[in-house]
PDB file of all heavy atoms in Angstrom:
ATOM      1  N   MET A   1       0.838  -1.206   0.000  1.00  0.00           N
ATOM      2  CA  MET A   1       0.000   0.000   0.000  1.00  0.00           C
ATOM      3  C   MET A   1       0.874   1.258   0.000  1.00  0.00           C
ATOM      4  O   MET A   1       0.587   2.225  -0.724  1.00  0.00           O
ATOM      5  CB  MET A   1      -0.926  -0.010   1.215  1.00  0.00           C
ATOM      6  CG  MET A   1      -2.016  -1.068   1.169  1.00  0.00           C
ATOM      7  SD  MET A   1      -3.012  -1.100   2.680  1.00  0.00           S
ATOM      8  CE  MET A   1      -3.671   0.559   2.691  1.00  0.00           C
ATOM      9  N   MET A   2       1.926   1.259   0.792  1.00  0.00           N
ATOM     10  CA  MET A   2       2.811   2.419   0.848  1.00  0.00           C
ATOM     11  C   MET A   2       3.571   2.603  -0.464  1.00  0.00           C
ATOM     12  O   MET A   2       3.766   3.728  -0.948  1.00  0.00           O
ATOM     13  CB  MET A   2       3.793   2.264   2.010  1.00  0.00           C
ATOM     14  CG  MET A   2       3.130   2.240   3.380  1.00  0.00           C
ATOM     15  SD  MET A   2       4.287   1.944   4.730  1.00  0.00           S
ATOM     16  CE  MET A   2       5.325   3.393   4.581  1.00  0.00           C
ATOM     17  N   ALA A   3       3.988   1.485  -1.086  1.00  0.00           N
ATOM     18  CA  ALA A   3       4.697   1.586  -2.366  1.00  0.00           C
ATOM     19  C   ALA A   3       3.766   2.048  -3.476  1.00  0.00           C
ATOM     20  O   ALA A   3       4.186   2.750  -4.406  1.00  0.00           O
ATOM     21  CB  ALA A   3       5.316   0.237  -2.707  1.00  0.00           C
ATOM     22  N   ALA A   4       2.499   1.646  -3.396  1.00  0.00           N
ATOM     23  CA  ALA A   4       1.544   2.035  -4.443  1.00  0.00           C
ATOM     24  C   ALA A   4       1.305   3.539  -4.456  1.00  0.00           C
ATOM     25  O   ALA A   4       0.911   4.095  -5.488  1.00  0.00           O
ATOM     26  CB  ALA A   4       0.231   1.286  -4.238  1.00  0.00           C
ATOM     27  N   ARG A   5       1.529   4.207  -3.343  1.00  0.00           N
ATOM     28  CA  ARG A   5       1.353   5.659  -3.318  1.00  0.00           C
ATOM     29  C   ARG A   5       2.422   6.370  -4.146  1.00  0.00           C
ATOM     30  O   ARG A   5       2.192   7.491  -4.626  1.00  0.00           O
ATOM     31  CB  ARG A   5       1.409   6.161  -1.880  1.00  0.00           C
ATOM     32  CG  ARG A   5       0.265   5.673  -1.004  1.00  0.00           C
ATOM     33  CD  ARG A   5       0.422   6.225   0.406  1.00  0.00           C
ATOM     34  NE  ARG A   5      -0.667   5.781   1.279  1.00  0.00           N
ATOM     35  CZ  ARG A   5      -0.771   6.118   2.562  1.00  0.00           C
ATOM     36  NH1 ARG A   5       0.165   6.911   3.112  1.00  0.00           N
ATOM     37  NH2 ARG A   5      -1.778   5.684   3.281  1.00  0.00           N
ATOM     38  N   GLU A   6       3.578   5.747  -4.332  1.00  0.00           N
ATOM     39  CA  GLU A   6       4.691   6.382  -5.020  1.00  0.00           C
ATOM     40  C   GLU A   6       4.771   6.007  -6.500  1.00  0.00           C
ATOM     41  O   GLU A   6       5.341   6.745  -7.290  1.00  0.00           O
ATOM     42  CB  GLU A   6       6.008   6.005  -4.328  1.00  0.00           C
ATOM     43  CG  GLU A   6       6.072   6.354  -2.858  1.00  0.00           C
ATOM     44  CD  GLU A   6       6.001   7.836  -2.599  1.00  0.00           C
ATOM     45  OE1 GLU A   6       6.357   8.621  -3.506  1.00  0.00           O
ATOM     46  OE2 GLU A   6       5.570   8.225  -1.493  1.00  0.00           O
ATOM     47  N   VAL A   7       4.222   4.838  -6.848  1.00  0.00           N
ATOM     48  CA  VAL A   7       4.308   4.355  -8.233  1.00  0.00           C
ATOM     49  C   VAL A   7       2.899   4.258  -8.806  1.00  0.00           C
ATOM     50  O   VAL A   7       2.103   3.422  -8.343  1.00  0.00           O
ATOM     51  CB  VAL A   7       5.020   2.982  -8.289  1.00  0.00           C
ATOM     52  CG1 VAL A   7       5.137   2.505  -9.738  1.00  0.00           C
ATOM     53  CG2 VAL A   7       6.388   3.075  -7.648  1.00  0.00           C
ATOM     54  N   PRO A   8       2.559   5.079  -9.796  1.00  0.00           N
ATOM     55  CA  PRO A   8       1.190   5.054 -10.343  1.00  0.00           C
ATOM     56  C   PRO A   8       0.814   3.701 -10.927  1.00  0.00           C
ATOM     57  O   PRO A   8      -0.337   3.252 -10.780  1.00  0.00           O
ATOM     58  CB  PRO A   8       1.224   6.143 -11.417  1.00  0.00           C
ATOM     59  CG  PRO A   8       2.353   7.042 -11.019  1.00  0.00           C
ATOM     60  CD  PRO A   8       3.370   6.157 -10.376  1.00  0.00           C
ATOM     61  N   GLU A   9       1.754   3.042 -11.608  1.00  0.00           N
ATOM     62  CA  GLU A   9       1.426   1.754 -12.212  1.00  0.00           C
ATOM     63  C   GLU A   9       1.060   0.722 -11.143  1.00  0.00           C
ATOM     64  O   GLU A   9       0.126  -0.069 -11.306  1.00  0.00           O
ATOM     65  CB  GLU A   9       2.606   1.249 -13.052  1.00  0.00           C
ATOM     66  CG  GLU A   9       2.888   2.066 -14.302  1.00  0.00           C
ATOM     67  CD  GLU A   9       3.654   3.336 -13.997  1.00  0.00           C
ATOM     68  OE1 GLU A   9       4.026   3.529 -12.805  1.00  0.00           O
ATOM     69  OE2 GLU A   9       3.875   4.137 -14.920  1.00  0.00           O
ATOM     70  N   LEU A  10       1.798   0.709 -10.047  1.00  0.00           N
ATOM     71  CA  LEU A  10       1.490  -0.211  -8.952  1.00  0.00           C
ATOM     72  C   LEU A  10       0.189   0.172  -8.269  1.00  0.00           C
ATOM     73  O   LEU A  10      -0.565  -0.689  -7.815  1.00  0.00           O
ATOM     74  CB  LEU A  10       2.641  -0.215  -7.936  1.00  0.00           C
ATOM     75  CG  LEU A  10       2.493  -1.175  -6.742  1.00  0.00           C
ATOM     76  CD1 LEU A  10       2.333  -2.610  -7.212  1.00  0.00           C
ATOM     77  CD2 LEU A  10       3.694  -1.044  -5.805  1.00  0.00           C
ATOM     78  N   ARG A  11      -0.102   1.478  -8.225  1.00  0.00           N
ATOM     79  CA  ARG A  11      -1.347   1.940  -7.623  1.00  0.00           C
ATOM     80  C   ARG A  11      -2.550   1.394  -8.393  1.00  0.00           C
ATOM     81  O   ARG A  11      -3.555   0.994  -7.801  1.00  0.00           O
ATOM     82  CB  ARG A  11      -1.373   3.453  -7.575  1.00  0.00           C
ATOM     83  CG  ARG A  11      -2.570   4.018  -6.796  1.00  0.00           C
ATOM     84  CD  ARG A  11      -2.618   5.534  -6.857  1.00  0.00           C
ATOM     85  NE  ARG A  11      -1.327   6.099  -6.476  1.00  0.00           N
ATOM     86  CZ  ARG A  11      -0.648   6.929  -7.239  1.00  0.00           C
ATOM     87  NH1 ARG A  11      -1.113   7.291  -8.433  1.00  0.00           N
ATOM     88  NH2 ARG A  11       0.521   7.407  -6.844  1.00  0.00           N
ATOM     89  N   GLU A  12      -2.450   1.376  -9.713  1.00  0.00           N
ATOM     90  CA  GLU A  12      -3.558   0.871 -10.520  1.00  0.00           C
ATOM     91  C   GLU A  12      -3.774  -0.626 -10.291  1.00  0.00           C
ATOM     92  O   GLU A  12      -4.907  -1.094 -10.187  1.00  0.00           O
ATOM     93  CB  GLU A  12      -3.284   1.149 -11.997  1.00  0.00           C
ATOM     94  CG  GLU A  12      -3.249   2.631 -12.347  1.00  0.00           C
ATOM     95  CD  GLU A  12      -2.896   2.861 -13.808  1.00  0.00           C
ATOM     96  OE1 GLU A  12      -2.719   1.836 -14.513  1.00  0.00           O
ATOM     97  OE2 GLU A  12      -2.791   4.018 -14.223  1.00  0.00           O
ATOM     98  N   VAL A  13      -2.671  -1.357 -10.224  1.00  0.00           N
ATOM     99  CA  VAL A  13      -2.793  -2.801  -9.982  1.00  0.00           C
ATOM    100  C   VAL A  13      -3.318  -3.079  -8.573  1.00  0.00           C
ATOM    101  O   VAL A  13      -4.180  -3.940  -8.364  1.00  0.00           O
ATOM    102  CB  VAL A  13      -1.430  -3.495 -10.191  1.00  0.00           C
ATOM    103  CG1 VAL A  13      -1.521  -4.981  -9.857  1.00  0.00           C
ATOM    104  CG2 VAL A  13      -0.954  -3.297 -11.622  1.00  0.00           C
ATOM    105  N   TRP A  14      -2.794  -2.339  -7.598  1.00  0.00           N
ATOM    106  CA  TRP A  14      -3.200  -2.558  -6.214  1.00  0.00           C
ATOM    107  C   TRP A  14      -4.664  -2.196  -5.993  1.00  0.00           C
ATOM    108  O   TRP A  14      -5.348  -2.840  -5.196  1.00  0.00           O
ATOM    109  CB  TRP A  14      -2.304  -1.752  -5.292  1.00  0.00           C
ATOM    110  CG  TRP A  14      -2.705  -1.862  -3.847  1.00  0.00           C
ATOM    111  CD1 TRP A  14      -3.293  -0.936  -3.073  1.00  0.00           C
ATOM    112  CD2 TRP A  14      -2.558  -3.022  -3.015  1.00  0.00           C
ATOM    113  NE1 TRP A  14      -3.523  -1.409  -1.818  1.00  0.00           N
ATOM    114  CE2 TRP A  14      -3.076  -2.698  -1.754  1.00  0.00           C
ATOM    115  CE3 TRP A  14      -2.021  -4.293  -3.227  1.00  0.00           C
ATOM    116  CZ2 TRP A  14      -3.079  -3.603  -0.707  1.00  0.00           C
ATOM    117  CZ3 TRP A  14      -2.036  -5.194  -2.176  1.00  0.00           C
ATOM    118  CH2 TRP A  14      -2.560  -4.851  -0.935  1.00  0.00           C
ATOM    119  N   ALA A  15      -5.163  -1.195  -6.700  1.00  0.00           N
ATOM    120  CA  ALA A  15      -6.558  -0.791  -6.535  1.00  0.00           C
ATOM    121  C   ALA A  15      -7.514  -1.913  -6.903  1.00  0.00           C
ATOM    122  O   ALA A  15      -8.621  -2.009  -6.349  1.00  0.00           O
ATOM    123  CB  ALA A  15      -6.846   0.454  -7.372  1.00  0.00           C
ATOM    124  N   ASP A  16      -7.117  -2.785  -7.828  1.00  0.00           N
ATOM    125  CA  ASP A  16      -8.002  -3.868  -8.262  1.00  0.00           C
ATOM    126  C   ASP A  16      -8.066  -5.011  -7.252  1.00  0.00           C
ATOM    127  O   ASP A  16      -9.069  -5.726  -7.177  1.00  0.00           O
ATOM    128  CB  ASP A  16      -7.534  -4.405  -9.619  1.00  0.00           C
ATOM    129  CG  ASP A  16      -7.670  -3.369 -10.725  1.00  0.00           C
ATOM    130  OD1 ASP A  16      -8.536  -2.481 -10.583  1.00  0.00           O
ATOM    131  OD2 ASP A  16      -6.901  -3.441 -11.713  1.00  0.00           O
ATOM    132  N   ILE A  17      -7.002  -5.206  -6.508  1.00  0.00           N
ATOM    133  CA  ILE A  17      -6.963  -6.352  -5.590  1.00  0.00           C
ATOM    134  C   ILE A  17      -7.080  -5.962  -4.126  1.00  0.00           C
ATOM    135  O   ILE A  17      -7.249  -6.832  -3.261  1.00  0.00           O
ATOM    136  CB  ILE A  17      -5.668  -7.163  -5.799  1.00  0.00           C
ATOM    137  CG1 ILE A  17      -4.449  -6.322  -5.428  1.00  0.00           C
ATOM    138  CG2 ILE A  17      -5.564  -7.669  -7.222  1.00  0.00           C
ATOM    139  CD1 ILE A  17      -3.143  -7.087  -5.474  1.00  0.00           C
ATOM    140  N   ALA A  18      -6.977  -4.676  -3.819  1.00  0.00           N
ATOM    141  CA  ALA A  18      -6.991  -4.253  -2.409  1.00  0.00           C
ATOM    142  C   ALA A  18      -8.301  -4.599  -1.735  1.00  0.00           C
ATOM    143  O   ALA A  18      -8.323  -5.081  -0.588  1.00  0.00           O
ATOM    144  CB  ALA A  18      -6.716  -2.755  -2.315  1.00  0.00           C
ATOM    145  N   SER A  19      -9.418  -4.347  -2.433  1.00  0.00           N
ATOM    146  CA  SER A  19     -10.726  -4.617  -1.820  1.00  0.00           C
ATOM    147  C   SER A  19     -10.961  -6.098  -1.574  1.00  0.00           C
ATOM    148  O   SER A  19     -11.825  -6.468  -0.767  1.00  0.00           O
ATOM    149  CB  SER A  19     -11.837  -4.063  -2.723  1.00  0.00           C
ATOM    150  OG  SER A  19     -11.743  -4.636  -4.021  1.00  0.00           O
ATOM    151  N   PHE A  20     -10.198  -6.960  -2.249  1.00  0.00           N
ATOM    152  CA  PHE A  20     -10.328  -8.402  -2.038  1.00  0.00           C
ATOM    153  C   PHE A  20      -9.358  -8.904  -0.967  1.00  0.00           C
ATOM    154  O   PHE A  20      -9.682  -9.801  -0.191  1.00  0.00           O
ATOM    155  CB  PHE A  20     -10.071  -9.134  -3.365  1.00  0.00           C
ATOM    156  CG  PHE A  20     -10.278 -10.622  -3.291  1.00  0.00           C
ATOM    157  CD1 PHE A  20     -11.541 -11.172  -3.379  1.00  0.00           C
ATOM    158  CD2 PHE A  20      -9.190 -11.476  -3.118  1.00  0.00           C
ATOM    159  CE1 PHE A  20     -11.731 -12.547  -3.298  1.00  0.00           C
ATOM    160  CE2 PHE A  20      -9.368 -12.848  -3.048  1.00  0.00           C
ATOM    161  CZ  PHE A  20     -10.653 -13.374  -3.145  1.00  0.00           C
ATOM    162  N   VAL A  21      -8.150  -8.298  -0.934  1.00  0.00           N
ATOM    163  CA  VAL A  21      -7.114  -8.778  -0.019  1.00  0.00           C
ATOM    164  C   VAL A  21      -7.306  -8.227   1.394  1.00  0.00           C
ATOM    165  O   VAL A  21      -7.117  -8.948   2.383  1.00  0.00           O
ATOM    166  CB  VAL A  21      -5.719  -8.398  -0.557  1.00  0.00           C
ATOM    167  CG1 VAL A  21      -4.630  -8.752   0.455  1.00  0.00           C
ATOM    168  CG2 VAL A  21      -5.455  -9.092  -1.875  1.00  0.00           C
ATOM    169  N   LEU A  22      -7.686  -6.963   1.512  1.00  0.00           N
ATOM    170  CA  LEU A  22      -7.791  -6.338   2.835  1.00  0.00           C
ATOM    171  C   LEU A  22      -8.783  -7.057   3.754  1.00  0.00           C
ATOM    172  O   LEU A  22      -8.473  -7.284   4.937  1.00  0.00           O
ATOM    173  CB  LEU A  22      -8.154  -4.860   2.678  1.00  0.00           C
ATOM    174  CG  LEU A  22      -7.033  -3.960   2.144  1.00  0.00           C
ATOM    175  CD1 LEU A  22      -7.528  -2.526   1.993  1.00  0.00           C
ATOM    176  CD2 LEU A  22      -5.823  -4.003   3.058  1.00  0.00           C
ATOM    177  N   PRO A  23     -10.003  -7.423   3.289  1.00  0.00           N
ATOM    178  CA  PRO A  23     -10.888  -8.178   4.197  1.00  0.00           C
ATOM    179  C   PRO A  23     -10.286  -9.501   4.656  1.00  0.00           C
ATOM    180  O   PRO A  23     -10.483  -9.906   5.809  1.00  0.00           O
ATOM    181  CB  PRO A  23     -12.148  -8.401   3.346  1.00  0.00           C
ATOM    182  CG  PRO A  23     -12.123  -7.321   2.329  1.00  0.00           C
ATOM    183  CD  PRO A  23     -10.683  -7.098   2.023  1.00  0.00           C
ATOM    184  N   ALA A  24      -9.549 -10.179   3.768  1.00  0.00           N
ATOM    185  CA  ALA A  24      -8.924 -11.441   4.157  1.00  0.00           C
ATOM    186  C   ALA A  24      -7.882 -11.226   5.246  1.00  0.00           C
ATOM    187  O   ALA A  24      -7.792 -12.000   6.210  1.00  0.00           O
ATOM    188  CB  ALA A  24      -8.298 -12.105   2.932  1.00  0.00           C
TER     189      ALA A  24
END
């Protein structure tokens, strides 16, 4: 999450899986 704030490409990828991974 912290790295995604600095890299836009990683932010886009993380946005798709964050809502699935965080509840787990």
